[in-house]
């Protein structure tokens, strides 16, 4: 997805976690172990369930259109903060800083 003030696109992963058991620290450790840094998603969207079509295909276009806009997305959103080295809640303040290109990606 496009991020204002940044070249290229930023990745987002949508993770279905109905019980809320996802450990973000362990998730990040697993990514660091198995993926190169450019493949790490900068944004995480935690879903209770995922929308599918009548033929059980993922409705990913809606997720792509919503992006990381906290004014639209009602699910939990996280941002991979490079300075802290961990995923942090995407707050309204952080969302504004990202859109104003005041946070490095």
Protein backbone atom coordinates (compact mmCIF):
# COMPACT_ATOMS: atom_id res chain seq x y z
CA UNK A 1 0.00 0.00 0.00
CA UNK A 2 1.12 3.55 -0.61
CA UNK A 3 2.33 5.57 2.36
CA UNK A 4 2.56 9.35 1.95
CA UNK A 5 6.13 10.60 1.72
CA UNK A 6 7.62 7.14 1.19
CA UNK A 7 8.94 5.52 -1.95
CA UNK A 8 7.52 2.19 -3.04
CA UNK A 9 4.87 0.39 -1.04
CA UNK A 10 4.61 -0.79 2.53
CA UNK A 11 3.45 -4.30 3.31
CA UNK A 12 0.54 -5.19 5.55
CA UNK A 13 -0.40 -8.59 6.87
CA UNK A 14 -3.95 -9.42 7.92
CA UNK A 15 -3.95 -12.10 10.59
CA UNK A 16 -7.03 -13.96 11.77
CA UNK A 17 -6.84 -14.36 15.55
CA UNK A 18 -10.36 -15.04 16.90
CA UNK A 19 -9.19 -15.85 20.44
CA UNK A 20 -6.72 -12.97 20.68
CA UNK A 21 -3.76 -15.27 21.36
CA UNK A 22 -1.28 -13.70 18.94
CA UNK A 23 2.02 -12.84 20.60
CA UNK A 24 3.49 -9.98 18.56
CA UNK A 25 6.97 -10.47 20.02
CA UNK A 26 7.08 -14.13 18.98
CA UNK A 27 5.56 -13.25 15.60
CA UNK A 28 8.31 -10.71 14.95
CA UNK A 29 11.03 -13.13 16.11
CA UNK A 30 9.71 -15.72 13.66
CA UNK A 31 9.71 -13.21 10.82
CA UNK A 32 13.26 -12.09 11.60
CA UNK A 33 14.37 -15.71 11.60
CA UNK A 34 12.66 -16.69 8.34
CA UNK A 35 12.30 -13.57 6.19
CA UNK A 36 14.62 -10.86 4.91
CA UNK A 37 13.93 -7.39 6.38
CA UNK A 38 12.35 -6.08 3.17
CA UNK A 39 9.67 -8.80 3.46
CA UNK A 40 8.56 -7.87 6.99
CA UNK A 41 5.10 -6.25 6.98
CA UNK A 42 5.20 -2.73 8.38
CA UNK A 43 1.55 -2.93 9.31
CA UNK A 44 -0.46 -5.71 10.95
CA UNK A 45 -4.21 -5.95 10.96
CA UNK A 46 -5.65 -8.39 13.48
CA UNK A 47 -9.02 -9.80 12.45
CA UNK A 48 -11.52 -11.81 14.50
CA UNK A 49 -12.78 -13.38 11.28
CA UNK A 50 -12.17 -12.92 7.59
CA UNK A 51 -14.72 -12.12 4.91
CA UNK A 52 -14.96 -14.61 2.08
CA UNK A 53 -17.11 -14.89 -1.03
CA UNK A 54 -19.73 -17.58 -1.56
CA UNK A 55 -17.01 -19.75 -3.08
CA UNK A 56 -14.71 -19.18 -0.08
CA UNK A 57 -12.33 -16.79 -1.79
CA UNK A 58 -10.75 -14.09 0.32
CA UNK A 59 -12.25 -10.61 -0.08
CA UNK A 60 -8.86 -8.92 -0.10
CA UNK A 61 -9.82 -5.93 -2.25
CA UNK A 62 -11.77 -4.40 0.64
CA UNK A 63 -8.77 -4.87 2.94
CA UNK A 64 -6.49 -3.25 0.37
CA UNK A 65 -8.79 -0.25 -0.09
CA UNK A 66 -9.03 0.37 3.65
CA UNK A 67 -5.26 0.16 4.06
CA UNK A 68 -4.07 1.41 7.45
CA UNK A 69 -6.60 4.25 7.79
CA UNK A 70 -7.67 4.13 11.43
CA UNK A 71 -10.72 6.22 10.53
CA UNK A 72 -11.99 3.35 8.39
CA UNK A 73 -10.53 0.16 9.86
CA UNK A 74 -12.27 -1.13 12.97
CA UNK A 75 -9.81 -3.99 13.57
CA UNK A 76 -6.66 -3.74 15.68
CA UNK A 77 -3.80 -2.15 13.73
CA UNK A 78 -0.11 -2.27 14.54
CA UNK A 79 2.95 -0.56 13.06
CA UNK A 80 6.48 -1.95 13.05
CA UNK A 81 8.43 0.81 14.77
CA UNK A 82 12.00 0.54 13.50
CA UNK A 83 13.43 2.59 16.36
CA UNK A 84 11.80 0.44 19.03
CA UNK A 85 12.20 -2.80 17.09
CA UNK A 86 8.66 -3.97 17.82
CA UNK A 87 5.06 -3.67 16.72
CA UNK A 88 3.18 -0.84 18.42
CA UNK A 89 -0.51 0.09 18.38
CA UNK A 90 -1.38 2.39 15.53
CA UNK A 91 -2.80 5.33 17.46
CA UNK A 92 -4.40 8.43 15.92
CA UNK A 93 -1.21 10.39 16.74
CA UNK A 94 1.05 7.79 15.10
CA UNK A 95 -1.29 7.58 12.10
CA UNK A 96 -0.99 11.36 11.64
CA UNK A 97 2.80 11.25 11.94
CA UNK A 98 3.02 8.49 9.32
CA UNK A 99 0.75 10.42 6.94
CA UNK A 100 2.78 13.59 7.49
CA UNK A 101 6.01 11.65 6.77
CA UNK A 102 7.32 12.39 10.27
CA UNK A 103 7.95 8.70 11.03
CA UNK A 104 10.60 6.82 9.11
CA UNK A 105 9.57 3.64 7.41
